PDB file of N, CA and C in Angstrom:
ATOM      1  N   MET A   1      33.938 -20.109 -27.704  1.00  0.00           N
ATOM      2  CA  MET A   1      33.003 -20.219 -28.809  1.00  0.00           C
ATOM      3  C   MET A   1      33.197 -19.019 -29.732  1.00  0.00           C
ATOM      4  N   ARG A   2      33.191 -19.280 -30.975  1.00  0.00           N
ATOM      5  CA  ARG A   2      33.359 -18.217 -31.955  1.00  0.00           C
ATOM      6  C   ARG A   2      32.006 -17.935 -32.587  1.00  0.00           C
ATOM      7  N   THR A   3      31.674 -16.631 -32.674  1.00  0.00           N
ATOM      8  CA  THR A   3      30.394 -16.246 -33.265  1.00  0.00           C
ATOM      9  C   THR A   3      30.537 -14.875 -33.920  1.00  0.00           C
ATOM     10  N   THR A   4      29.616 -14.569 -34.807  1.00  0.00           N
ATOM     11  CA  THR A   4      29.603 -13.263 -35.453  1.00  0.00           C
ATOM     12  C   THR A   4      28.562 -12.416 -34.742  1.00  0.00           C
ATOM     13  N   LEU A   5      28.941 -11.189 -34.452  1.00  0.00           N
ATOM     14  CA  LEU A   5      28.072 -10.306 -33.689  1.00  0.00           C
ATOM     15  C   LEU A   5      28.131  -8.919 -34.301  1.00  0.00           C
ATOM     16  N   THR A   6      26.981  -8.288 -34.476  1.00  0.00           N
ATOM     17  CA  THR A   6      26.938  -6.923 -34.979  1.00  0.00           C
ATOM     18  C   THR A   6      26.785  -5.997 -33.792  1.00  0.00           C
ATOM     19  N   ILE A   7      27.736  -5.080 -33.613  1.00  0.00           N
ATOM     20  CA  ILE A   7      27.744  -4.153 -32.490  1.00  0.00           C
ATOM     21  C   ILE A   7      27.557  -2.750 -33.038  1.00  0.00           C
ATOM     22  N   GLU A   8      26.719  -1.973 -32.375  1.00  0.00           N
ATOM     23  CA  GLU A   8      26.500  -0.592 -32.801  1.00  0.00           C
ATOM     24  C   GLU A   8      27.820   0.167 -32.785  1.00  0.00           C
ATOM     25  N   ASP A   9      27.952   1.136 -33.683  1.00  0.00           N
ATOM     26  CA  ASP A   9      29.203   1.882 -33.819  1.00  0.00           C
ATOM     27  C   ASP A   9      29.627   2.560 -32.515  1.00  0.00           C
ATOM     28  N   LYS A  10      28.684   3.215 -31.830  1.00  0.00           N
ATOM     29  CA  LYS A  10      29.024   3.919 -30.587  1.00  0.00           C
ATOM     30  C   LYS A  10      29.471   2.932 -29.512  1.00  0.00           C
ATOM     31  N   THR A  11      28.804   1.781 -29.450  1.00  0.00           N
ATOM     32  CA  THR A  11      29.166   0.769 -28.457  1.00  0.00           C
ATOM     33  C   THR A  11      30.540   0.197 -28.760  1.00  0.00           C
ATOM     34  N   ALA A  12      30.791  -0.075 -30.021  1.00  0.00           N
ATOM     35  CA  ALA A  12      32.095  -0.605 -30.414  1.00  0.00           C
ATOM     36  C   ALA A  12      33.207   0.389 -30.100  1.00  0.00           C
ATOM     37  N   ALA A  13      32.936   1.668 -30.338  1.00  0.00           N
ATOM     38  CA  ALA A  13      33.935   2.691 -30.047  1.00  0.00           C
ATOM     39  C   ALA A  13      34.238   2.754 -28.550  1.00  0.00           C
ATOM     40  N   ARG A  14      33.212   2.642 -27.730  1.00  0.00           N
ATOM     41  CA  ARG A  14      33.422   2.655 -26.272  1.00  0.00           C
ATOM     42  C   ARG A  14      34.205   1.428 -25.828  1.00  0.00           C
ATOM     43  N   LEU A  15      33.895   0.275 -26.417  1.00  0.00           N
ATOM     44  CA  LEU A  15      34.620  -0.956 -26.072  1.00  0.00           C
ATOM     45  C   LEU A  15      36.093  -0.850 -26.487  1.00  0.00           C
ATOM     46  N   LYS A  16      36.328  -0.318 -27.678  1.00  0.00           N
ATOM     47  CA  LYS A  16      37.709  -0.169 -28.149  1.00  0.00           C
ATOM     48  C   LYS A  16      38.476   0.810 -27.276  1.00  0.00           C
ATOM     49  N   SER A  17      37.800   1.889 -26.886  1.00  0.00           N
ATOM     50  CA  SER A  17      38.434   2.873 -26.015  1.00  0.00           C
ATOM     51  C   SER A  17      38.776   2.257 -24.661  1.00  0.00           C
ATOM     52  N   LEU A  18      37.872   1.461 -24.124  1.00  0.00           N
ATOM     53  CA  LEU A  18      38.114   0.795 -22.856  1.00  0.00           C
ATOM     54  C   LEU A  18      39.267  -0.204 -22.970  1.00  0.00           C
ATOM     55  N   ALA A  19      39.328  -0.904 -24.087  1.00  0.00           N
ATOM     56  CA  ALA A  19      40.422  -1.852 -24.309  1.00  0.00           C
ATOM     57  C   ALA A  19      41.755  -1.117 -24.354  1.00  0.00           C
ATOM     58  N   HIS A  20      41.756   0.010 -25.032  1.00  0.00           N
ATOM     59  CA  HIS A  20      42.992   0.808 -25.132  1.00  0.00           C
ATOM     60  C   HIS A  20      43.421   1.342 -23.760  1.00  0.00           C
ATOM     61  N   GLU A  21      42.441   1.850 -22.990  1.00  0.00           N
ATOM     62  CA  GLU A  21      42.735   2.429 -21.671  1.00  0.00           C
ATOM     63  C   GLU A  21      43.262   1.382 -20.689  1.00  0.00           C
ATOM     64  N   THR A  22      42.707   0.176 -20.765  1.00  0.00           N
ATOM     65  CA  THR A  22      43.078  -0.862 -19.793  1.00  0.00           C
ATOM     66  C   THR A  22      44.224  -1.743 -20.277  1.00  0.00           C
ATOM     67  N   GLY A  23      44.565  -1.639 -21.558  1.00  0.00           N
ATOM     68  CA  GLY A  23      45.630  -2.479 -22.111  1.00  0.00           C
ATOM     69  C   GLY A  23      45.187  -3.916 -22.344  1.00  0.00           C
ATOM     70  N   LYS A  24      43.897  -4.141 -22.354  1.00  0.00           N
ATOM     71  CA  LYS A  24      43.367  -5.486 -22.597  1.00  0.00           C
ATOM     72  C   LYS A  24      42.972  -5.602 -24.064  1.00  0.00           C
ATOM     73  N   SER A  25      42.783  -6.832 -24.497  1.00  0.00           N
ATOM     74  CA  SER A  25      42.352  -7.044 -25.874  1.00  0.00           C
ATOM     75  C   SER A  25      40.870  -6.710 -26.005  1.00  0.00           C
ATOM     76  N   PHE A  26      40.465  -6.380 -27.217  1.00  0.00           N
ATOM     77  CA  PHE A  26      39.069  -6.068 -27.493  1.00  0.00           C
ATOM     78  C   PHE A  26      38.192  -7.247 -27.085  1.00  0.00           C
ATOM     79  N   LYS A  27      38.611  -8.446 -27.438  1.00  0.00           N
ATOM     80  CA  LYS A  27      37.869  -9.663 -27.121  1.00  0.00           C
ATOM     81  C   LYS A  27      37.674  -9.794 -25.608  1.00  0.00           C
ATOM     82  N   GLN A  28      38.718  -9.529 -24.850  1.00  0.00           N
ATOM     83  CA  GLN A  28      38.651  -9.664 -23.399  1.00  0.00           C
ATOM     84  C   GLN A  28      37.689  -8.622 -22.806  1.00  0.00           C
ATOM     85  N   VAL A  29      37.764  -7.399 -23.309  1.00  0.00           N
ATOM     86  CA  VAL A  29      36.877  -6.340 -22.819  1.00  0.00           C
ATOM     87  C   VAL A  29      35.422  -6.673 -23.135  1.00  0.00           C
ATOM     88  N   VAL A  30      35.155  -7.168 -24.334  1.00  0.00           N
ATOM     89  CA  VAL A  30      33.788  -7.533 -24.704  1.00  0.00           C
ATOM     90  C   VAL A  30      33.272  -8.637 -23.790  1.00  0.00           C
ATOM     91  N   ASN A  31      34.073  -9.679 -23.574  1.00  0.00           N
ATOM     92  CA  ASN A  31      33.649 -10.781 -22.717  1.00  0.00           C
ATOM     93  C   ASN A  31      33.402 -10.324 -21.276  1.00  0.00           C
ATOM     94  N   GLU A  32      34.294  -9.500 -20.735  1.00  0.00           N
ATOM     95  CA  GLU A  32      34.125  -9.013 -19.368  1.00  0.00           C
ATOM     96  C   GLU A  32      32.870  -8.149 -19.248  1.00  0.00           C
ATOM     97  N   THR A  33      32.648  -7.313 -20.239  1.00  0.00           N
ATOM     98  CA  THR A  33      31.484  -6.433 -20.219  1.00  0.00           C
ATOM     99  C   THR A  33      30.191  -7.242 -20.306  1.00  0.00           C
ATOM    100  N   LEU A  34      30.153  -8.222 -21.181  1.00  0.00           N
ATOM    101  CA  LEU A  34      28.979  -9.084 -21.283  1.00  0.00           C
ATOM    102  C   LEU A  34      28.742  -9.851 -19.980  1.00  0.00           C
ATOM    103  N   ARG A  35      29.814 -10.373 -19.404  1.00  0.00           N
ATOM    104  CA  ARG A  35      29.698 -11.126 -18.157  1.00  0.00           C
ATOM    105  C   ARG A  35      29.134 -10.254 -17.044  1.00  0.00           C
ATOM    106  N   ARG A  36      29.674  -9.026 -16.918  1.00  0.00           N
ATOM    107  CA  ARG A  36      29.179  -8.106 -15.881  1.00  0.00           C
ATOM    108  C   ARG A  36      27.708  -7.771 -16.112  1.00  0.00           C
ATOM    109  N   GLY A  37      27.346  -7.590 -17.357  1.00  0.00           N
ATOM    110  CA  GLY A  37      25.949  -7.287 -17.679  1.00  0.00           C
ATOM    111  C   GLY A  37      25.027  -8.429 -17.323  1.00  0.00           C
ATOM    112  N   LEU A  38      25.453  -9.644 -17.606  1.00  0.00           N
ATOM    113  CA  LEU A  38      24.635 -10.810 -17.274  1.00  0.00           C
ATOM    114  C   LEU A  38      24.524 -10.994 -15.768  1.00  0.00           C
ATOM    115  N   GLU A  39      25.617 -10.786 -15.052  1.00  0.00           N
ATOM    116  CA  GLU A  39      25.584 -10.927 -13.592  1.00  0.00           C
ATOM    117  C   GLU A  39      24.739  -9.832 -12.966  1.00  0.00           C
ATOM    118  N   TYR A  40      24.793  -8.647 -13.517  1.00  0.00           N
ATOM    119  CA  TYR A  40      24.022  -7.521 -13.001  1.00  0.00           C
ATOM    120  C   TYR A  40      22.531  -7.816 -13.084  1.00  0.00           C
ATOM    121  N   GLY A  41      22.104  -8.461 -14.162  1.00  0.00           N
ATOM    122  CA  GLY A  41      20.692  -8.775 -14.358  1.00  0.00           C
ATOM    123  C   GLY A  41      20.174  -9.865 -13.442  1.00  0.00           C
ATOM    124  N   GLN A  42      21.060 -10.647 -12.838  1.00  0.00           N
ATOM    125  CA  GLN A  42      20.624 -11.755 -11.990  1.00  0.00           C
ATOM    126  C   GLN A  42      20.203 -11.290 -10.609  1.00  0.00           C
ATOM    127  N   PHE A  43      20.749 -10.183 -10.152  1.00  0.00           N
ATOM    128  CA  PHE A  43      20.466  -9.720  -8.807  1.00  0.00           C
ATOM    129  C   PHE A  43      19.605  -8.477  -8.878  1.00  0.00           C
ATOM    130  N   PRO A  44      18.463  -8.505  -8.205  1.00  0.00           N
ATOM    131  CA  PRO A  44      17.632  -7.300  -8.243  1.00  0.00           C
ATOM    132  C   PRO A  44      18.348  -6.137  -7.566  1.00  0.00           C
ATOM    133  N   GLN A  45      18.161  -4.973  -8.119  1.00  0.00           N
ATOM    134  CA  GLN A  45      18.799  -3.786  -7.564  1.00  0.00           C
ATOM    135  C   GLN A  45      18.120  -3.419  -6.250  1.00  0.00           C
ATOM    136  N   ARG A  46      18.924  -3.064  -5.288  1.00  0.00           N
ATOM    137  CA  ARG A  46      18.356  -2.581  -4.036  1.00  0.00           C
ATOM    138  C   ARG A  46      18.044  -1.107  -4.209  1.00  0.00           C
ATOM    139  N   ARG A  47      16.828  -0.796  -3.938  1.00  0.00           N
ATOM    140  CA  ARG A  47      16.418   0.594  -4.046  1.00  0.00           C
ATOM    141  C   ARG A  47      16.023   1.083  -2.663  1.00  0.00           C
ATOM    142  N   ASN A  48      16.260   2.330  -2.445  1.00  0.00           N
ATOM    143  CA  ASN A  48      15.825   2.922  -1.198  1.00  0.00           C
ATOM    144  C   ASN A  48      14.299   2.980  -1.201  1.00  0.00           C
ATOM    145  N   PRO A  49      13.676   2.603  -0.101  1.00  0.00           N
ATOM    146  CA  PRO A  49      12.216   2.649  -0.083  1.00  0.00           C
ATOM    147  C   PRO A  49      11.722   4.079  -0.239  1.00  0.00           C
ATOM    148  N   TYR A  50      10.634   4.211  -0.915  1.00  0.00           N
ATOM    149  CA  TYR A  50      10.032   5.524  -1.122  1.00  0.00           C
ATOM    150  C   TYR A  50       9.448   5.988   0.200  1.00  0.00           C
ATOM    151  N   LYS A  51       9.797   7.171   0.602  1.00  0.00           N
ATOM    152  CA  LYS A  51       9.289   7.711   1.849  1.00  0.00           C
ATOM    153  C   LYS A  51       8.507   8.980   1.548  1.00  0.00           C
ATOM    154  N   LEU A  52       7.330   9.023   2.088  1.00  0.00           N
ATOM    155  CA  LEU A  52       6.460  10.164   1.890  1.00  0.00           C
ATOM    156  C   LEU A  52       6.296  10.879   3.214  1.00  0.00           C
ATOM    157  N   LYS A  53       6.604  12.153   3.230  1.00  0.00           N
ATOM    158  CA  LYS A  53       6.450  12.927   4.447  1.00  0.00           C
ATOM    159  C   LYS A  53       5.007  13.428   4.530  1.00  0.00           C
ATOM    160  N   PRO A  54       4.311  13.084   5.597  1.00  0.00           N
ATOM    161  CA  PRO A  54       2.929  13.555   5.721  1.00  0.00           C
ATOM    162  C   PRO A  54       2.883  15.062   5.932  1.00  0.00           C
ATOM    163  N   VAL A  55       1.880  15.676   5.367  1.00  0.00           N
ATOM    164  CA  VAL A  55       1.711  17.121   5.482  1.00  0.00           C
ATOM    165  C   VAL A  55       0.283  17.391   5.931  1.00  0.00           C
ATOM    166  N   LYS A  56       0.117  18.183   6.973  1.00  0.00           N
ATOM    167  CA  LYS A  56      -1.215  18.531   7.439  1.00  0.00           C
ATOM    168  C   LYS A  56      -1.831  19.520   6.455  1.00  0.00           C
ATOM    169  N   MET A  57      -2.999  19.182   5.970  1.00  0.00           N
ATOM    170  CA  MET A  57      -3.660  20.016   4.977  1.00  0.00           C
ATOM    171  C   MET A  57      -4.836  20.777   5.556  1.00  0.00           C
ATOM    172  N   GLY A  58      -4.977  20.735   6.861  1.00  0.00           N
ATOM    173  CA  GLY A  58      -6.069  21.458   7.488  1.00  0.00           C
ATOM    174  C   GLY A  58      -7.298  20.582   7.633  1.00  0.00           C
ATOM    175  N   GLU A  59      -8.314  21.162   8.188  1.00  0.00           N
ATOM    176  CA  GLU A  59      -9.570  20.438   8.416  1.00  0.00           C
ATOM    177  C   GLU A  59     -10.444  20.511   7.170  1.00  0.00           C
ATOM    178  N   PRO A  60     -11.256  19.464   6.942  1.00  0.00           N
ATOM    179  CA  PRO A  60     -12.168  19.515   5.792  1.00  0.00           C
ATOM    180  C   PRO A  60     -13.279  20.537   6.042  1.00  0.00           C
ATOM    181  N   ARG A  61     -13.842  21.021   4.965  1.00  0.00           N
ATOM    182  CA  ARG A  61     -14.935  21.970   5.096  1.00  0.00           C
ATOM    183  C   ARG A  61     -16.125  21.286   5.770  1.00  0.00           C
ATOM    184  N   PRO A  62     -16.898  22.020   6.515  1.00  0.00           N
ATOM    185  CA  PRO A  62     -17.981  21.403   7.298  1.00  0.00           C
ATOM    186  C   PRO A  62     -19.045  20.708   6.449  1.00  0.00           C
ATOM    187  N   GLU A  63     -19.222  21.126   5.202  1.00  0.00           N
ATOM    188  CA  GLU A  63     -20.276  20.498   4.375  1.00  0.00           C
ATOM    189  C   GLU A  63     -19.896  19.101   3.873  1.00  0.00           C
ATOM    190  N   TYR A  64     -18.628  18.696   4.074  1.00  0.00           N
ATOM    191  CA  TYR A  64     -18.183  17.372   3.636  1.00  0.00           C
ATOM    192  C   TYR A  64     -18.135  16.414   4.811  1.00  0.00           C
ATOM    193  N   ASP A  65     -18.905  15.350   4.703  1.00  0.00           N
ATOM    194  CA  ASP A  65     -18.908  14.301   5.720  1.00  0.00           C
ATOM    195  C   ASP A  65     -17.937  13.214   5.254  1.00  0.00           C
ATOM    196  N   LEU A  66     -16.783  13.132   5.881  1.00  0.00           N
ATOM    197  CA  LEU A  66     -15.753  12.196   5.439  1.00  0.00           C
ATOM    198  C   LEU A  66     -16.066  10.747   5.784  1.00  0.00           C
ATOM    199  N   THR A  67     -17.133  10.512   6.526  1.00  0.00           N
ATOM    200  CA  THR A  67     -17.522   9.124   6.791  1.00  0.00           C
ATOM    201  C   THR A  67     -18.159   8.505   5.554  1.00  0.00           C
ATOM    202  N   LYS A  68     -18.486   9.361   4.615  1.00  0.00           N
ATOM    203  CA  LYS A  68     -19.069   8.883   3.354  1.00  0.00           C
ATOM    204  C   LYS A  68     -18.181   9.339   2.194  1.00  0.00           C
ATOM    205  N   ALA A  69     -16.925   8.894   2.224  1.00  0.00           N
ATOM    206  CA  ALA A  69     -15.918   9.371   1.275  1.00  0.00           C
ATOM    207  C   ALA A  69     -16.245   8.990  -0.166  1.00  0.00           C
ATOM    208  N   LEU A  70     -16.790   7.799  -0.396  1.00  0.00           N
ATOM    209  CA  LEU A  70     -17.098   7.405  -1.771  1.00  0.00           C
ATOM    210  C   LEU A  70     -18.200   8.272  -2.361  1.00  0.00           C
ATOM    211  N   SER A  71     -19.184   8.603  -1.561  1.00  0.00           N
ATOM    212  CA  SER A  71     -20.244   9.487  -2.023  1.00  0.00           C
ATOM    213  C   SER A  71     -19.677  10.866  -2.334  1.00  0.00           C
ATOM    214  N   LEU A  72     -18.788  11.339  -1.475  1.00  0.00           N
ATOM    215  CA  LEU A  72     -18.130  12.621  -1.700  1.00  0.00           C
ATOM    216  C   LEU A  72     -17.350  12.611  -3.010  1.00  0.00           C
ATOM    217  N   ALA A  73     -16.591  11.541  -3.247  1.00  0.00           N
ATOM    218  CA  ALA A  73     -15.808  11.432  -4.478  1.00  0.00           C
ATOM    219  C   ALA A  73     -16.721  11.426  -5.699  1.00  0.00           C
ATOM    220  N   ASP A  74     -17.841  10.711  -5.617  1.00  0.00           N
ATOM    221  CA  ASP A  74     -18.794  10.690  -6.729  1.00  0.00           C
ATOM    222  C   ASP A  74     -19.339  12.078  -7.013  1.00  0.00           C
ATOM    223  N   ASN A  75     -19.702  12.794  -5.959  1.00  0.00           N
ATOM    224  CA  ASN A  75     -20.251  14.145  -6.139  1.00  0.00           C
ATOM    225  C   ASN A  75     -19.222  15.084  -6.750  1.00  0.00           C
ATOM    226  N   LEU A  76     -17.987  15.010  -6.268  1.00  0.00           N
ATOM    227  CA  LEU A  76     -16.936  15.866  -6.826  1.00  0.00           C
ATOM    228  C   LEU A  76     -16.678  15.539  -8.294  1.00  0.00           C
ATOM    229  N   GLU A  77     -16.662  14.246  -8.607  1.00  0.00           N
ATOM    230  CA  GLU A  77     -16.434  13.832  -9.993  1.00  0.00           C
ATOM    231  C   GLU A  77     -17.581  14.295 -10.886  1.00  0.00           C
ATOM    232  N   ASP A  78     -18.826  14.134 -10.414  1.00  0.00           N
ATOM    233  CA  ASP A  78     -19.987  14.575 -11.190  1.00  0.00           C
ATOM    234  C   ASP A  78     -19.939  16.083 -11.434  1.00  0.00           C
ATOM    235  N   SER A  79     -19.547  16.832 -10.410  1.00  0.00           N
ATOM    236  CA  SER A  79     -19.460  18.295 -10.560  1.00  0.00           C
ATOM    237  C   SER A  79     -18.411  18.672 -11.601  1.00  0.00           C
ATOM    238  N   GLU A  80     -17.289  17.979 -11.586  1.00  0.00           N
ATOM    239  CA  GLU A  80     -16.217  18.283 -12.544  1.00  0.00           C
ATOM    240  C   GLU A  80     -16.635  17.925 -13.969  1.00  0.00           C
ATOM    241  N   ILE A  81     -17.317  16.807 -14.140  1.00  0.00           N
ATOM    242  CA  ILE A  81     -17.802  16.409 -15.473  1.00  0.00           C
ATOM    243  C   ILE A  81     -18.797  17.443 -15.984  1.00  0.00           C
ATOM    244  N   ALA A  82     -19.720  17.867 -15.121  1.00  0.00           N
ATOM    245  CA  ALA A  82     -20.706  18.875 -15.517  1.00  0.00           C
ATOM    246  C   ALA A  82     -20.024  20.180 -15.907  1.00  0.00           C
ATOM    247  N   ARG A  83     -18.987  20.567 -15.172  1.00  0.00           N
ATOM    248  CA  ARG A  83     -18.256  21.796 -15.480  1.00  0.00           C
ATOM    249  C   ARG A  83     -17.582  21.705 -16.849  1.00  0.00           C
ATOM    250  N   LYS A  84     -16.976  20.563 -17.127  1.00  0.00           N
ATOM    251  CA  LYS A  84     -16.300  20.389 -18.421  1.00  0.00           C
ATOM    252  C   LYS A  84     -17.299  20.368 -19.574  1.00  0.00           C
ATOM    253  N   LEU A  85     -18.439  19.742 -19.358  1.00  0.00           N
ATOM    254  CA  LEU A  85     -19.458  19.720 -20.401  1.00  0.00           C
ATOM    255  C   LEU A  85     -20.000  21.124 -20.665  1.00  0.00           C
ATOM    256  N   ALA A  86     -20.140  21.917 -19.623  1.00  0.00           N
ATOM    257  CA  ALA A  86     -20.643  23.281 -19.778  1.00  0.00           C
ATOM    258  C   ALA A  86     -19.656  24.134 -20.564  1.00  0.00           C
ATOM    259  N   LEU A  87     -18.370  23.868 -20.444  1.00  0.00           N
ATOM    260  CA  LEU A  87     -17.357  24.629 -21.174  1.00  0.00           C
ATOM    261  C   LEU A  87     -17.383  24.346 -22.673  1.00  0.00           C
ATOM    262  N   ARG A  88     -17.863  23.178 -23.058  1.00  0.00           N
ATOM    263  CA  ARG A  88     -17.890  22.802 -24.488  1.00  0.00           C
ATOM    264  C   ARG A  88     -18.961  23.552 -25.258  1.00  0.00           C
ATOM    265  N   LYS A  89     -19.988  24.020 -24.578  1.00  0.00           N
ATOM    266  CA  LYS A  89     -21.116  24.664 -25.268  1.00  0.00           C
ATOM    267  C   LYS A  89     -20.846  26.094 -25.589  1.00  0.00           C
TER     268      LYS A  89
END
C-alpha cells in the first residue's frame, strides 16, 4: 500500500542512519520498525513484581491505642490541620 506520511526530522534521520548501517532500503527499515512497534504493543511487558522489604520501626508510644487506628488517624490529621491554621495567623 502506498501512502504519504509525515515523519519528524529526528526520527527520519535515525531511520536513514539505520538503513545505511544495515544496508537495507529506507522503505524496508520503516516497515520493519513499524511492524516491531505494533507487535511490541500486543504483548504486555513483563515487569518484576515490586518487593518491599519490611522494616521494624519500633513500638508505638503508649498513649496510642492501635486497636482504634481510624480514630488515631483522625486525631493526627486534626492536629496537623490546627497546626497549619495557627501558622497562617
